[in-house]
Every structure is written in C-alpha cells, then in structure tokens.
C-alpha cells in the first residue's frame, strides 16, 4: 500500500483559473490541469524569488518533493504553450 500524501501548505488562491490561446474558443481546446501545489511551487520559486530549500520549507515538504512538484508544473506549462492547449488551475 502506498504512503498517504502529506498535507502541504498552500497560501495561494488564484483569481484567474483559466489561460488559453487568443482567438480559439475554450470548448475547442484540450485543457491541461495544473494542481494547487504546482501553482504554489511556481509562485514561490519564480514570483517571490526564494531558493528551492526555502520554498520547500514554506510548503512543509522535502526539497526533493518540491523539485518533483516544480518539474511537473514546468512540464505541463511547457506542453500547453508549445501545443496550444488551455491551462486550468484547480480550485
């Protein structure tokens, strides 16, 4: 049986939860889902400018777990931008 997922602190609740390419209706696009954890990791690392160790502390997780969350977010966003997909942040 896998280990249960631990609670991670998330202090970010976005007002805007959808991003899409201009000129294409949302119903015609595939949507890439970004989790709250991934959005928080991006915010801490790229917007606040903290180093990875500080970000992991703020989210109450290990540095390696934080890196996996951040890598997943980068991969999803890169895929959406390159392939012209919509991005949705879970509420």
PDB file of N, CA and C in Angstrom:
ATOM      1  N   UNK A   1       0.851  -1.174   0.000  1.00  0.00           N
ATOM      2  CA  UNK A   1       0.000   0.000   0.000  1.00  0.00           C
ATOM      3  C   UNK A   1       0.904   1.246   0.000  1.00  0.00           C
ATOM      4  N   UNK A   2       0.611   2.246  -0.858  1.00  0.00           N
ATOM      5  CA  UNK A   2       1.445   3.449  -0.896  1.00  0.00           C
ATOM      6  C   UNK A   2       1.247   4.317   0.335  1.00  0.00           C
ATOM      7  N   UNK A   3       2.264   5.104   0.612  1.00  0.00           N
ATOM      8  CA  UNK A   3       2.194   6.042   1.727  1.00  0.00           C
ATOM      9  C   UNK A   3       1.130   7.096   1.466  1.00  0.00           C
ATOM     10  N   UNK A   4       0.388   7.515   2.478  1.00  0.00           N
ATOM     11  CA  UNK A   4      -0.596   8.586   2.265  1.00  0.00           C
ATOM     12  C   UNK A   4       0.114   9.911   1.988  1.00  0.00           C
ATOM     13  N   UNK A   5      -0.498  10.732   1.137  1.00  0.00           N
ATOM     14  CA  UNK A   5       0.084  12.022   0.802  1.00  0.00           C
ATOM     15  C   UNK A   5      -0.029  12.952   1.997  1.00  0.00           C
ATOM     16  N   UNK A   6       1.058  13.640   2.319  1.00  0.00           N
ATOM     17  CA  UNK A   6       1.069  14.560   3.440  1.00  0.00           C
ATOM     18  C   UNK A   6       0.439  15.892   3.056  1.00  0.00           C
ATOM     19  N   UNK A   7      -0.030  16.624   4.064  1.00  0.00           N
ATOM     20  CA  UNK A   7      -0.588  17.947   3.858  1.00  0.00           C
ATOM     21  C   UNK A   7       0.535  18.905   3.498  1.00  0.00           C
ATOM     22  N   UNK A   8       0.334  19.676   2.443  1.00  0.00           N
ATOM     23  CA  UNK A   8       1.307  20.684   2.050  1.00  0.00           C
ATOM     24  C   UNK A   8       0.651  22.052   2.168  1.00  0.00           C
ATOM     25  N   UNK A   9       1.380  22.988   2.711  1.00  0.00           N
ATOM     26  CA  UNK A   9       0.834  24.329   2.927  1.00  0.00           C
ATOM     27  C   UNK A   9       0.767  25.082   1.606  1.00  0.00           C
ATOM     28  N   UNK A  10      -0.411  25.601   1.302  1.00  0.00           N
ATOM     29  CA  UNK A  10      -0.622  26.378   0.091  1.00  0.00           C
ATOM     30  C   UNK A  10      -1.275  27.693   0.505  1.00  0.00           C
ATOM     31  N   UNK A  11      -0.601  28.808   0.226  1.00  0.00           N
ATOM     32  CA  UNK A  11      -1.117  30.122   0.615  1.00  0.00           C
ATOM     33  C   UNK A  11      -1.560  30.932  -0.599  1.00  0.00           C
ATOM     34  N   UNK A  12      -1.777  30.280  -1.705  1.00  0.00           N
ATOM     35  CA  UNK A  12      -2.106  30.972  -2.945  1.00  0.00           C
ATOM     36  C   UNK A  12      -3.425  30.464  -3.493  1.00  0.00           C
ATOM     37  N   UNK A  13      -4.334  31.373  -3.738  1.00  0.00           N
ATOM     38  CA  UNK A  13      -5.608  31.030  -4.357  1.00  0.00           C
ATOM     39  C   UNK A  13      -5.809  31.986  -5.532  1.00  0.00           C
ATOM     40  N   UNK A  14      -5.603  31.500  -6.748  1.00  0.00           N
ATOM     41  CA  UNK A  14      -5.655  32.407  -7.898  1.00  0.00           C
ATOM     42  C   UNK A  14      -7.071  32.896  -8.195  1.00  0.00           C
ATOM     43  N   UNK A  15      -7.166  34.152  -8.604  1.00  0.00           N
ATOM     44  CA  UNK A  15      -8.464  34.691  -9.011  1.00  0.00           C
ATOM     45  C   UNK A  15      -8.792  34.233 -10.429  1.00  0.00           C
ATOM     46  N   UNK A  16      -7.769  34.091 -11.249  1.00  0.00           N
ATOM     47  CA  UNK A  16      -7.935  33.634 -12.621  1.00  0.00           C
ATOM     48  C   UNK A  16      -7.493  32.182 -12.677  1.00  0.00           C
ATOM     49  N   UNK A  17      -8.357  31.299 -13.170  1.00  0.00           N
ATOM     50  CA  UNK A  17      -8.026  29.870 -13.162  1.00  0.00           C
ATOM     51  C   UNK A  17      -7.915  29.256 -14.551  1.00  0.00           C
ATOM     52  N   UNK A  18      -8.154  30.040 -15.596  1.00  0.00           N
ATOM     53  CA  UNK A  18      -8.012  29.528 -16.963  1.00  0.00           C
ATOM     54  C   UNK A  18      -7.140  30.466 -17.782  1.00  0.00           C
ATOM     55  N   UNK A  19      -6.264  29.884 -18.571  1.00  0.00           N
ATOM     56  CA  UNK A  19      -5.449  30.613 -19.531  1.00  0.00           C
ATOM     57  C   UNK A  19      -5.549  29.848 -20.838  1.00  0.00           C
ATOM     58  N   UNK A  20      -5.715  30.573 -21.929  1.00  0.00           N
ATOM     59  CA  UNK A  20      -5.881  29.898 -23.212  1.00  0.00           C
ATOM     60  C   UNK A  20      -5.291  30.744 -24.325  1.00  0.00           C
ATOM     61  N   UNK A  21      -5.009  30.108 -25.462  1.00  0.00           N
ATOM     62  CA  UNK A  21      -4.530  30.867 -26.614  1.00  0.00           C
ATOM     63  C   UNK A  21      -5.618  31.831 -27.104  1.00  0.00           C
ATOM     64  N   UNK A  22      -5.207  32.992 -27.544  1.00  0.00           N
ATOM     65  CA  UNK A  22      -6.149  34.003 -28.026  1.00  0.00           C
ATOM     66  C   UNK A  22      -6.790  33.568 -29.335  1.00  0.00           C
ATOM     67  N   UNK A  23      -8.068  33.846 -29.460  1.00  0.00           N
ATOM     68  CA  UNK A  23      -8.769  33.614 -30.706  1.00  0.00           C
ATOM     69  C   UNK A  23      -9.338  32.220 -30.906  1.00  0.00           C
ATOM     70  N   UNK A  24      -9.143  31.335 -29.945  1.00  0.00           N
ATOM     71  CA  UNK A  24      -9.673  29.973 -30.046  1.00  0.00           C
ATOM     72  C   UNK A  24     -10.652  29.769 -28.895  1.00  0.00           C
ATOM     73  N   UNK A  25     -11.898  29.358 -29.179  1.00  0.00           N
ATOM     74  CA  UNK A  25     -12.855  29.135 -28.085  1.00  0.00           C
ATOM     75  C   UNK A  25     -12.373  28.019 -27.148  1.00  0.00           C
ATOM     76  N   UNK A  26     -12.637  28.191 -25.873  1.00  0.00           N
ATOM     77  CA  UNK A  26     -12.203  27.207 -24.866  1.00  0.00           C
ATOM     78  C   UNK A  26     -12.765  25.828 -25.147  1.00  0.00           C
ATOM     79  N   UNK A  27     -13.983  25.766 -25.648  1.00  0.00           N
ATOM     80  CA  UNK A  27     -14.601  24.458 -25.917  1.00  0.00           C
ATOM     81  C   UNK A  27     -13.866  23.684 -27.013  1.00  0.00           C
ATOM     82  N   UNK A  28     -13.057  24.378 -27.822  1.00  0.00           N
ATOM     83  CA  UNK A  28     -12.323  23.731 -28.901  1.00  0.00           C
ATOM     84  C   UNK A  28     -10.911  23.318 -28.480  1.00  0.00           C
ATOM     85  N   UNK A  29     -10.556  23.602 -27.242  1.00  0.00           N
ATOM     86  CA  UNK A  29      -9.191  23.326 -26.772  1.00  0.00           C
ATOM     87  C   UNK A  29      -9.130  22.163 -25.793  1.00  0.00           C
ATOM     88  N   UNK A  30      -8.029  21.460 -25.827  1.00  0.00           N
ATOM     89  CA  UNK A  30      -7.716  20.484 -24.785  1.00  0.00           C
ATOM     90  C   UNK A  30      -7.199  21.281 -23.587  1.00  0.00           C
ATOM     91  N   UNK A  31      -7.552  20.852 -22.390  1.00  0.00           N
ATOM     92  CA  UNK A  31      -7.169  21.575 -21.178  1.00  0.00           C
ATOM     93  C   UNK A  31      -6.113  20.779 -20.412  1.00  0.00           C
ATOM     94  N   UNK A  32      -5.056  21.467 -19.995  1.00  0.00           N
ATOM     95  CA  UNK A  32      -4.013  20.886 -19.150  1.00  0.00           C
ATOM     96  C   UNK A  32      -4.290  21.354 -17.722  1.00  0.00           C
ATOM     97  N   UNK A  33      -4.452  20.406 -16.800  1.00  0.00           N
ATOM     98  CA  UNK A  33      -4.778  20.723 -15.406  1.00  0.00           C
ATOM     99  C   UNK A  33      -3.511  20.951 -14.579  1.00  0.00           C
ATOM    100  N   UNK A  34      -3.449  22.083 -13.909  1.00  0.00           N
ATOM    101  CA  UNK A  34      -2.347  22.409 -13.013  1.00  0.00           C
ATOM    102  C   UNK A  34      -2.893  22.347 -11.588  1.00  0.00           C
ATOM    103  N   UNK A  35      -2.253  21.584 -10.715  1.00  0.00           N
ATOM    104  CA  UNK A  35      -2.756  21.454  -9.340  1.00  0.00           C
ATOM    105  C   UNK A  35      -2.421  22.702  -8.528  1.00  0.00           C
ATOM    106  N   UNK A  36      -3.088  22.839  -7.387  1.00  0.00           N
ATOM    107  CA  UNK A  36      -2.799  23.955  -6.481  1.00  0.00           C
ATOM    108  C   UNK A  36      -1.348  23.912  -6.017  1.00  0.00           C
ATOM    109  N   UNK A  37      -0.859  22.708  -5.752  1.00  0.00           N
ATOM    110  CA  UNK A  37       0.532  22.550  -5.311  1.00  0.00           C
ATOM    111  C   UNK A  37       1.501  23.044  -6.372  1.00  0.00           C
ATOM    112  N   UNK A  38       1.219  22.719  -7.620  1.00  0.00           N
ATOM    113  CA  UNK A  38       2.100  23.138  -8.711  1.00  0.00           C
ATOM    114  C   UNK A  38       2.066  24.656  -8.878  1.00  0.00           C
ATOM    115  N   UNK A  39       0.885  25.262  -8.773  1.00  0.00           N
ATOM    116  CA  UNK A  39       0.770  26.722  -8.871  1.00  0.00           C
ATOM    117  C   UNK A  39       1.512  27.398  -7.721  1.00  0.00           C
ATOM    118  N   UNK A  40       1.401  26.854  -6.523  1.00  0.00           N
ATOM    119  CA  UNK A  40       2.100  27.412  -5.361  1.00  0.00           C
ATOM    120  C   UNK A  40       3.609  27.278  -5.526  1.00  0.00           C
ATOM    121  N   UNK A  41       4.075  26.153  -6.026  1.00  0.00           N
ATOM    122  CA  UNK A  41       5.509  25.960  -6.248  1.00  0.00           C
ATOM    123  C   UNK A  41       6.037  26.979  -7.261  1.00  0.00           C
ATOM    124  N   UNK A  42       5.304  27.202  -8.331  1.00  0.00           N
ATOM    125  CA  UNK A  42       5.706  28.200  -9.327  1.00  0.00           C
ATOM    126  C   UNK A  42       5.741  29.599  -8.718  1.00  0.00           C
ATOM    127  N   UNK A  43       4.733  29.915  -7.918  1.00  0.00           N
ATOM    128  CA  UNK A  43       4.682  31.230  -7.280  1.00  0.00           C
ATOM    129  C   UNK A  43       5.868  31.450  -6.351  1.00  0.00           C
ATOM    130  N   UNK A  44       6.128  30.474  -5.495  1.00  0.00           N
ATOM    131  CA  UNK A  44       7.222  30.627  -4.541  1.00  0.00           C
ATOM    132  C   UNK A  44       8.572  30.740  -5.234  1.00  0.00           C
ATOM    133  N   UNK A  45       8.808  29.891  -6.203  1.00  0.00           N
ATOM    134  CA  UNK A  45      10.116  29.856  -6.868  1.00  0.00           C
ATOM    135  C   UNK A  45      10.316  31.036  -7.808  1.00  0.00           C
ATOM    136  N   UNK A  46       9.333  31.337  -8.653  1.00  0.00           N
ATOM    137  CA  UNK A  46       9.534  32.309  -9.716  1.00  0.00           C
ATOM    138  C   UNK A  46       9.043  33.716  -9.401  1.00  0.00           C
ATOM    139  N   UNK A  47       7.995  33.843  -8.615  1.00  0.00           N
ATOM    140  CA  UNK A  47       7.454  35.179  -8.332  1.00  0.00           C
ATOM    141  C   UNK A  47       8.116  35.782  -7.097  1.00  0.00           C
ATOM    142  N   UNK A  48       8.215  35.001  -6.023  1.00  0.00           N
ATOM    143  CA  UNK A  48       8.837  35.539  -4.810  1.00  0.00           C
ATOM    144  C   UNK A  48      10.356  35.443  -4.852  1.00  0.00           C
ATOM    145  N   UNK A  49      10.898  34.594  -5.718  1.00  0.00           N
ATOM    146  CA  UNK A  49      12.345  34.508  -5.891  1.00  0.00           C
ATOM    147  C   UNK A  49      13.087  33.762  -4.798  1.00  0.00           C
ATOM    148  N   UNK A  50      12.382  32.921  -4.058  1.00  0.00           N
ATOM    149  CA  UNK A  50      13.033  32.144  -3.000  1.00  0.00           C
ATOM    150  C   UNK A  50      13.839  31.002  -3.600  1.00  0.00           C
ATOM    151  N   UNK A  51      14.841  30.539  -2.859  1.00  0.00           N
ATOM    152  CA  UNK A  51      15.556  29.355  -3.343  1.00  0.00           C
ATOM    153  C   UNK A  51      14.740  28.106  -3.007  1.00  0.00           C
ATOM    154  N   UNK A  52      15.133  27.011  -3.600  1.00  0.00           N
ATOM    155  CA  UNK A  52      14.348  25.784  -3.500  1.00  0.00           C
ATOM    156  C   UNK A  52      14.194  25.298  -2.063  1.00  0.00           C
ATOM    157  N   UNK A  53      15.228  25.438  -1.267  1.00  0.00           N
ATOM    158  CA  UNK A  53      15.181  24.997   0.123  1.00  0.00           C
ATOM    159  C   UNK A  53      14.142  25.804   0.913  1.00  0.00           C
ATOM    160  N   UNK A  54      14.119  27.129   0.720  1.00  0.00           N
ATOM    161  CA  UNK A  54      13.143  27.984   1.402  1.00  0.00           C
ATOM    162  C   UNK A  54      11.719  27.685   0.934  1.00  0.00           C
ATOM    163  N   UNK A  55      11.566  27.447  -0.358  1.00  0.00           N
ATOM    164  CA  UNK A  55      10.241  27.110  -0.905  1.00  0.00           C
ATOM    165  C   UNK A  55       9.708  25.826  -0.282  1.00  0.00           C
ATOM    166  N   UNK A  56      10.572  24.822  -0.181  1.00  0.00           N
ATOM    167  CA  UNK A  56      10.170  23.543   0.403  1.00  0.00           C
ATOM    168  C   UNK A  56       9.737  23.727   1.856  1.00  0.00           C
ATOM    169  N   UNK A  57      10.467  24.553   2.601  1.00  0.00           N
ATOM    170  CA  UNK A  57      10.099  24.823   3.995  1.00  0.00           C
ATOM    171  C   UNK A  57       8.723  25.478   4.074  1.00  0.00           C
ATOM    172  N   UNK A  58       8.470  26.453   3.213  1.00  0.00           N
ATOM    173  CA  UNK A  58       7.186  27.157   3.238  1.00  0.00           C
ATOM    174  C   UNK A  58       6.022  26.237   2.887  1.00  0.00           C
ATOM    175  N   UNK A  59       6.270  25.228   2.055  1.00  0.00           N
ATOM    176  CA  UNK A  59       5.205  24.288   1.681  1.00  0.00           C
ATOM    177  C   UNK A  59       5.143  23.076   2.617  1.00  0.00           C
ATOM    178  N   UNK A  60       6.033  23.022   3.603  1.00  0.00           N
ATOM    179  CA  UNK A  60       6.096  21.905   4.554  1.00  0.00           C
ATOM    180  C   UNK A  60       6.314  20.572   3.833  1.00  0.00           C
ATOM    181  N   UNK A  61       7.317  20.545   2.972  1.00  0.00           N
ATOM    182  CA  UNK A  61       7.656  19.325   2.248  1.00  0.00           C
ATOM    183  C   UNK A  61       9.167  19.233   2.117  1.00  0.00           C
ATOM    184  N   UNK A  62       9.647  18.113   1.652  1.00  0.00           N
ATOM    185  CA  UNK A  62      11.089  17.960   1.461  1.00  0.00           C
ATOM    186  C   UNK A  62      11.510  18.678   0.181  1.00  0.00           C
ATOM    187  N   UNK A  63      12.795  18.933   0.089  1.00  0.00           N
ATOM    188  CA  UNK A  63      13.320  19.622  -1.081  1.00  0.00           C
ATOM    189  C   UNK A  63      13.158  18.776  -2.344  1.00  0.00           C
ATOM    190  N   UNK A  64      13.337  17.472  -2.226  1.00  0.00           N
ATOM    191  CA  UNK A  64      13.187  16.603  -3.394  1.00  0.00           C
ATOM    192  C   UNK A  64      11.720  16.541  -3.856  1.00  0.00           C
ATOM    193  N   UNK A  65      10.781  16.539  -2.924  1.00  0.00           N
ATOM    194  CA  UNK A  65       9.366  16.549  -3.291  1.00  0.00           C
ATOM    195  C   UNK A  65       9.007  17.875  -3.947  1.00  0.00           C
ATOM    196  N   UNK A  66       9.529  18.962  -3.406  1.00  0.00           N
ATOM    197  CA  UNK A  66       9.285  20.265  -4.007  1.00  0.00           C
ATOM    198  C   UNK A  66       9.808  20.280  -5.444  1.00  0.00           C
ATOM    199  N   UNK A  67      10.978  19.719  -5.670  1.00  0.00           N
ATOM    200  CA  UNK A  67      11.551  19.670  -7.015  1.00  0.00           C
ATOM    201  C   UNK A  67      10.662  18.865  -7.962  1.00  0.00           C
ATOM    202  N   UNK A  68      10.113  17.760  -7.496  1.00  0.00           N
ATOM    203  CA  UNK A  68       9.208  16.966  -8.340  1.00  0.00           C
ATOM    204  C   UNK A  68       7.943  17.749  -8.693  1.00  0.00           C
ATOM    205  N   UNK A  69       7.385  18.468  -7.724  1.00  0.00           N
ATOM    206  CA  UNK A  69       6.189  19.281  -7.965  1.00  0.00           C
ATOM    207  C   UNK A  69       6.500  20.379  -8.987  1.00  0.00           C
ATOM    208  N   UNK A  70       7.627  21.056  -8.808  1.00  0.00           N
ATOM    209  CA  UNK A  70       8.022  22.133  -9.704  1.00  0.00           C
ATOM    210  C   UNK A  70       8.299  21.614 -11.117  1.00  0.00           C
ATOM    211  N   UNK A  71       8.967  20.481 -11.222  1.00  0.00           N
ATOM    212  CA  UNK A  71       9.245  19.885 -12.534  1.00  0.00           C
ATOM    213  C   UNK A  71       7.962  19.506 -13.253  1.00  0.00           C
ATOM    214  N   UNK A  72       7.005  18.977 -12.519  1.00  0.00           N
ATOM    215  CA  UNK A  72       5.721  18.619 -13.098  1.00  0.00           C
ATOM    216  C   UNK A  72       5.005  19.861 -13.625  1.00  0.00           C
ATOM    217  N   UNK A  73       5.050  20.951 -12.863  1.00  0.00           N
ATOM    218  CA  UNK A  73       4.410  22.200 -13.289  1.00  0.00           C
ATOM    219  C   UNK A  73       5.070  22.743 -14.554  1.00  0.00           C
ATOM    220  N   UNK A  74       6.401  22.752 -14.588  1.00  0.00           N
ATOM    221  CA  UNK A  74       7.124  23.228 -15.775  1.00  0.00           C
ATOM    222  C   UNK A  74       6.788  22.380 -16.999  1.00  0.00           C
ATOM    223  N   UNK A  75       6.712  21.076 -16.812  1.00  0.00           N
ATOM    224  CA  UNK A  75       6.422  20.166 -17.916  1.00  0.00           C
ATOM    225  C   UNK A  75       5.015  20.430 -18.474  1.00  0.00           C
ATOM    226  N   UNK A  76       4.038  20.588 -17.589  1.00  0.00           N
ATOM    227  CA  UNK A  76       2.662  20.835 -18.020  1.00  0.00           C
ATOM    228  C   UNK A  76       2.520  22.179 -18.737  1.00  0.00           C
ATOM    229  N   UNK A  77       3.137  23.213 -18.185  1.00  0.00           N
ATOM    230  CA  UNK A  77       3.036  24.541 -18.794  1.00  0.00           C
ATOM    231  C   UNK A  77       3.754  24.568 -20.139  1.00  0.00           C
ATOM    232  N   UNK A  78       4.917  23.947 -20.214  1.00  0.00           N
ATOM    233  CA  UNK A  78       5.656  23.888 -21.476  1.00  0.00           C
ATOM    234  C   UNK A  78       4.850  23.170 -22.545  1.00  0.00           C
ATOM    235  N   UNK A  79       4.237  22.054 -22.176  1.00  0.00           N
ATOM    236  CA  UNK A  79       3.413  21.290 -23.111  1.00  0.00           C
ATOM    237  C   UNK A  79       2.253  22.150 -23.624  1.00  0.00           C
ATOM    238  N   UNK A  80       1.573  22.845 -22.698  1.00  0.00           N
ATOM    239  CA  UNK A  80       0.424  23.666 -23.074  1.00  0.00           C
ATOM    240  C   UNK A  80       0.842  24.808 -23.999  1.00  0.00           C
ATOM    241  N   UNK A  81       1.961  25.450 -23.717  1.00  0.00           N
ATOM    242  CA  UNK A  81       2.411  26.565 -24.555  1.00  0.00           C
ATOM    243  C   UNK A  81       2.835  26.098 -25.941  1.00  0.00           C
ATOM    244  N   UNK A  82       3.580  25.022 -26.008  1.00  0.00           N
ATOM    245  CA  UNK A  82       4.090  24.526 -27.291  1.00  0.00           C
ATOM    246  C   UNK A  82       2.969  23.947 -28.152  1.00  0.00           C
ATOM    247  N   UNK A  83       2.032  23.231 -27.542  1.00  0.00           N
ATOM    248  CA  UNK A  83       0.962  22.569 -28.281  1.00  0.00           C
ATOM    249  C   UNK A  83      -0.299  23.409 -28.421  1.00  0.00           C
ATOM    250  N   UNK A  84      -0.337  24.612 -27.835  1.00  0.00           N
ATOM    251  CA  UNK A  84      -1.511  25.467 -27.949  1.00  0.00           C
ATOM    252  C   UNK A  84      -2.704  24.971 -27.163  1.00  0.00           C
ATOM    253  N   UNK A  85      -2.478  24.490 -25.950  1.00  0.00           N
ATOM    254  CA  UNK A  85      -3.548  23.980 -25.088  1.00  0.00           C
ATOM    255  C   UNK A  85      -3.934  25.032 -24.040  1.00  0.00           C
ATOM    256  N   UNK A  86      -5.101  24.897 -23.468  1.00  0.00           N
ATOM    257  CA  UNK A  86      -5.530  25.766 -22.369  1.00  0.00           C
ATOM    258  C   UNK A  86      -4.936  25.235 -21.071  1.00  0.00           C
ATOM    259  N   UNK A  87      -4.739  26.128 -20.114  1.00  0.00           N
ATOM    260  CA  UNK A  87      -4.222  25.752 -18.791  1.00  0.00           C
ATOM    261  C   UNK A  87      -5.296  26.069 -17.765  1.00  0.00           C
ATOM    262  N   UNK A  88      -5.622  25.093 -16.925  1.00  0.00           N
ATOM    263  CA  UNK A  88      -6.604  25.282 -15.866  1.00  0.00           C
ATOM    264  C   UNK A  88      -5.927  25.025 -14.522  1.00  0.00           C
ATOM    265  N   UNK A  89      -6.122  25.930 -13.569  1.00  0.00           N
ATOM    266  CA  UNK A  89      -5.613  25.745 -12.209  1.00  0.00           C
ATOM    267  C   UNK A  89      -6.778  25.277 -11.360  1.00  0.00           C
ATOM    268  N   UNK A  90      -6.617  24.128 -10.699  1.00  0.00           N
ATOM    269  CA  UNK A  90      -7.721  23.593  -9.884  1.00  0.00           C
ATOM    270  C   UNK A  90      -8.063  24.555  -8.757  1.00  0.00           C
ATOM    271  N   UNK A  91      -9.327  24.542  -8.382  1.00  0.00           N
ATOM    272  CA  UNK A  91      -9.796  25.448  -7.316  1.00  0.00           C
ATOM    273  C   UNK A  91      -9.675  24.805  -5.977  1.00  0.00           C
TER     274      UNK A  91
END
